[in-house]
N, C-alpha and C. Protein backbone atom coordinates (compact mmCIF):
# COMPACT_ATOMS: atom_id res chain seq x y z
N MET A 1 5.03 15.44 14.19
CA MET A 1 4.71 16.45 13.56
C MET A 1 4.35 17.35 12.87
N THR A 2 4.41 18.89 12.86
CA THR A 2 3.26 19.07 12.72
C THR A 2 2.45 19.26 10.98
N LEU A 3 1.10 19.27 11.06
CA LEU A 3 0.01 18.94 10.11
C LEU A 3 -1.59 19.76 10.27
N MET A 4 -1.09 20.39 9.05
CA MET A 4 -2.34 20.94 8.51
C MET A 4 -3.20 21.55 7.48
N VAL A 5 -4.55 21.06 7.67
CA VAL A 5 -5.41 21.84 6.67
C VAL A 5 -6.17 22.49 6.65
N ARG A 6 -6.87 23.41 5.12
CA ARG A 6 -7.49 24.39 5.32
C ARG A 6 -8.03 23.88 4.61
N GLN A 7 -9.28 24.69 4.65
CA GLN A 7 -9.89 24.45 3.28
C GLN A 7 -10.15 26.11 2.56
N LEU A 8 -10.32 26.15 1.42
CA LEU A 8 -9.62 27.13 0.04
C LEU A 8 -10.90 27.74 0.34
N GLU A 9 -11.30 28.75 -0.25
CA GLU A 9 -12.58 29.00 -1.29
C GLU A 9 -13.63 28.06 -1.80
N PRO A 10 -14.51 28.09 -1.42
CA PRO A 10 -15.50 26.81 -2.34
C PRO A 10 -15.62 27.46 -3.59
N GLY A 11 -15.72 26.57 -4.50
CA GLY A 11 -15.83 27.06 -6.17
C GLY A 11 -16.70 26.18 -7.56
N ALA A 12 -17.04 26.21 -8.23
CA ALA A 12 -17.96 25.66 -8.89
C ALA A 12 -17.56 23.79 -8.87
N THR A 13 -16.45 23.49 -8.79
CA THR A 13 -16.86 21.68 -8.57
C THR A 13 -15.81 21.71 -7.07
N GLY A 14 -16.15 22.29 -5.98
CA GLY A 14 -16.54 22.27 -5.09
C GLY A 14 -15.34 22.67 -3.86
N LEU A 15 -14.78 21.66 -2.78
CA LEU A 15 -14.38 22.65 -1.95
C LEU A 15 -12.85 22.21 -1.69
N PRO A 16 -12.04 23.11 -2.48
CA PRO A 16 -10.32 22.66 -2.11
C PRO A 16 -9.67 22.67 -1.23
N ILE A 17 -8.89 21.89 -0.73
CA ILE A 17 -8.39 21.87 0.48
C ILE A 17 -6.64 22.23 0.39
N GLU A 18 -5.87 22.30 0.80
CA GLU A 18 -4.87 22.48 1.39
C GLU A 18 -3.91 21.83 2.42
N ILE A 19 -2.88 21.08 2.36
CA ILE A 19 -2.75 20.83 3.58
C ILE A 19 -0.83 20.29 3.83
N TYR A 20 -0.77 21.16 4.89
CA TYR A 20 0.51 21.11 4.97
C TYR A 20 1.09 20.61 6.34
N ALA A 21 2.13 19.29 5.38
CA ALA A 21 2.88 18.34 6.65
C ALA A 21 4.14 18.74 6.60
N PHE A 22 4.56 18.88 7.76
CA PHE A 22 5.93 18.91 7.98
C PHE A 22 6.62 17.73 9.19
N THR A 23 7.30 16.99 7.84
CA THR A 23 8.83 16.02 8.02
C THR A 23 9.82 16.56 8.43
N ASN A 24 10.66 15.16 9.47
CA ASN A 24 12.16 15.07 10.37
C ASN A 24 12.89 15.19 9.01
N THR A 25 12.51 14.87 8.01
CA THR A 25 13.90 13.98 6.89
C THR A 25 13.86 15.18 5.54
N VAL A 26 15.28 15.32 5.72
CA VAL A 26 15.22 16.50 3.98
C VAL A 26 15.61 15.15 2.89
N VAL A 27 15.37 13.80 3.43
CA VAL A 27 16.31 12.67 2.84
C VAL A 27 14.38 13.30 1.52
N TRP A 28 14.80 13.02 0.23
CA TRP A 28 13.69 13.50 -1.01
C TRP A 28 13.09 11.80 -0.90
N LEU A 29 13.54 10.43 -1.27
CA LEU A 29 13.28 9.09 -1.61
C LEU A 29 11.82 9.02 0.12
N GLU A 30 12.64 10.03 1.31
CA GLU A 30 11.26 9.68 1.90
C GLU A 30 10.67 10.48 2.28
N TYR A 31 10.92 11.67 2.14
CA TYR A 31 9.90 12.68 1.86
C TYR A 31 8.76 12.66 0.72
N GLU A 32 9.27 12.31 0.13
CA GLU A 32 7.80 11.84 -0.97
C GLU A 32 7.16 9.95 -0.83
N SER A 33 7.47 9.16 0.52
CA SER A 33 6.97 8.27 0.64
C SER A 33 6.03 8.97 1.78
N ILE A 34 6.14 9.63 2.96
CA ILE A 34 5.90 10.01 3.86
C ILE A 34 4.71 10.91 2.88
N GLN A 35 4.78 11.40 1.93
CA GLN A 35 3.70 12.43 1.23
C GLN A 35 3.13 11.14 0.40
N SER A 36 3.38 10.12 -0.30
CA SER A 36 2.50 9.23 -1.17
C SER A 36 1.49 8.39 0.15
N ASP A 37 1.95 7.76 1.49
CA ASP A 37 1.03 7.42 2.53
C ASP A 37 0.13 8.46 2.75
N ILE A 38 0.55 10.06 2.54
CA ILE A 38 -0.97 10.89 3.28
C ILE A 38 -1.40 10.78 2.03
N PHE A 39 -1.56 10.44 1.22
CA PHE A 39 -2.42 10.81 0.16
C PHE A 39 -3.35 9.39 -0.42
N ASP A 40 -2.49 8.35 0.02
CA ASP A 40 -2.78 6.81 0.07
C ASP A 40 -4.47 6.68 1.13
N HIS A 41 -3.61 7.31 2.58
CA HIS A 41 -4.85 7.34 3.40
C HIS A 41 -6.40 8.18 3.11
N ILE A 42 -5.61 9.32 2.61
CA ILE A 42 -6.88 11.03 2.09
C ILE A 42 -8.14 9.73 0.70
N MET A 43 -7.28 9.22 -0.39
CA MET A 43 -8.13 8.42 -1.01
C MET A 43 -8.77 7.40 -0.35
N ALA A 44 -8.41 6.00 0.75
CA ALA A 44 -8.85 5.13 0.97
C ALA A 44 -9.81 5.67 2.38
N ILE A 45 -10.35 6.80 2.98
CA ILE A 45 -10.96 7.05 3.54
C ILE A 45 -12.31 8.47 3.44
N ILE A 46 -11.52 8.74 2.19
CA ILE A 46 -12.68 9.62 1.72
C ILE A 46 -14.02 9.64 1.59
N GLY A 47 -14.29 8.27 1.02
CA GLY A 47 -15.55 7.68 0.85
C GLY A 47 -16.49 7.83 2.71
N GLU A 48 -15.85 7.22 3.63
CA GLU A 48 -16.54 7.31 4.99
C GLU A 48 -16.90 8.83 5.25
N PHE A 49 -16.51 9.88 4.93
CA PHE A 49 -17.25 11.02 5.06
C PHE A 49 -17.91 11.93 3.66
N ASP A 50 -18.47 10.72 2.94
CA ASP A 50 -19.76 10.89 2.00
C ASP A 50 -19.33 12.02 1.24
N LEU A 51 -17.79 12.01 1.02
CA LEU A 51 -16.45 12.84 -0.04
C LEU A 51 -15.96 12.80 -1.29
N ARG A 52 -15.88 12.71 -2.29
CA ARG A 52 -15.18 12.57 -3.59
C ARG A 52 -14.18 13.03 -3.67
N ILE A 53 -13.15 12.78 -4.11
CA ILE A 53 -12.06 13.40 -5.47
C ILE A 53 -12.28 13.87 -6.36
N HIS A 54 -11.62 14.91 -6.96
CA HIS A 54 -12.66 15.83 -8.10
C HIS A 54 -11.01 16.36 -8.59
N GLN A 55 -10.32 15.93 -10.38
CA GLN A 55 -9.90 16.43 -10.86
C GLN A 55 -10.55 17.13 -12.64
N THR A 56 -10.10 17.93 -12.16
CA THR A 56 -10.92 18.89 -13.83
C THR A 56 -9.64 18.04 -14.80
N PRO A 57 -10.60 17.22 -15.75
CA PRO A 57 -9.19 16.95 -17.24
C PRO A 57 -9.45 18.59 -18.08
N THR A 58 -8.56 17.93 -18.30
CA THR A 58 -7.28 18.59 -19.25
C THR A 58 -8.12 18.77 -20.92
N GLY A 59 -7.53 19.59 -21.23
CA GLY A 59 -7.67 19.18 -23.21
C GLY A 59 -7.28 18.14 -23.84
N TYR A 60 -5.78 17.88 -22.67
CA TYR A 60 -5.03 16.51 -23.39
C TYR A 60 -6.30 15.16 -22.66
N ASP A 61 -6.72 15.25 -21.68
CA ASP A 61 -7.61 13.95 -21.48
C ASP A 61 -8.99 14.02 -22.62
N VAL A 62 -9.42 14.72 -22.97
CA VAL A 62 -10.71 14.66 -23.98
C VAL A 62 -9.93 14.62 -25.07
N ARG A 63 -9.07 15.07 -25.57
CA ARG A 63 -8.53 14.55 -26.87
C ARG A 63 -7.89 13.05 -27.30
N SER A 64 -7.86 13.13 -25.52
CA SER A 64 -7.33 11.13 -25.59
C SER A 64 -8.33 10.58 -25.47
N GLY A 65 -9.46 10.70 -24.86
CA GLY A 65 -10.41 10.09 -24.86
C GLY A 65 -11.29 10.16 -26.21
N LEU A 66 -11.76 10.77 -26.70
CA LEU A 66 -12.28 11.11 -27.88
C LEU A 66 -11.51 10.22 -28.79
N GLY A 67 -9.82 10.78 -29.11
CA GLY A 67 -9.27 10.09 -30.29
C GLY A 67 -9.14 8.42 -29.86
N SER A 68 -9.52 7.56 -28.78
CA SER A 68 -9.51 6.39 -28.52
C SER A 68 -11.03 6.42 -29.31
N ALA A 69 -12.25 6.81 -28.75
CA ALA A 69 -12.92 6.39 -29.05
C ALA A 69 -13.27 6.27 -30.44
N GLY A 70 -12.97 7.71 -30.99
CA GLY A 70 -12.79 7.62 -32.67
C GLY A 70 -12.42 6.33 -32.82
N GLN A 71 -11.33 5.89 -32.77
CA GLN A 71 -10.40 4.64 -32.99
C GLN A 71 -10.96 3.27 -33.40
N ALA A 72 -11.75 3.64 -32.06
CA ALA A 72 -12.25 2.17 -31.72
C ALA A 72 -13.58 2.19 -32.53
N ALA A 73 -14.15 3.73 -33.16
CA ALA A 73 -15.77 3.34 -33.59
C ALA A 73 -15.11 2.94 -35.51
N SER A 74 -13.86 3.46 -36.09
CA SER A 74 -13.35 3.40 -37.07
C SER A 74 -13.22 2.08 -37.93
């Protein structure tokens, strides 16, 4: 089936990519499994290309991190 990966405009946090993958199934659980396999493979091999995966933390992440650090210090 068709698989397409394209680069989006680079930003301050890196180079975003879009992944388009088409399957021959409409069964949701099978689709989710295929999607999971694709991302597992990307995450496993990305270091071979000297790349890193980046996800910008949200305010929730920061509050959670500060909250647990504050509790540990108390």
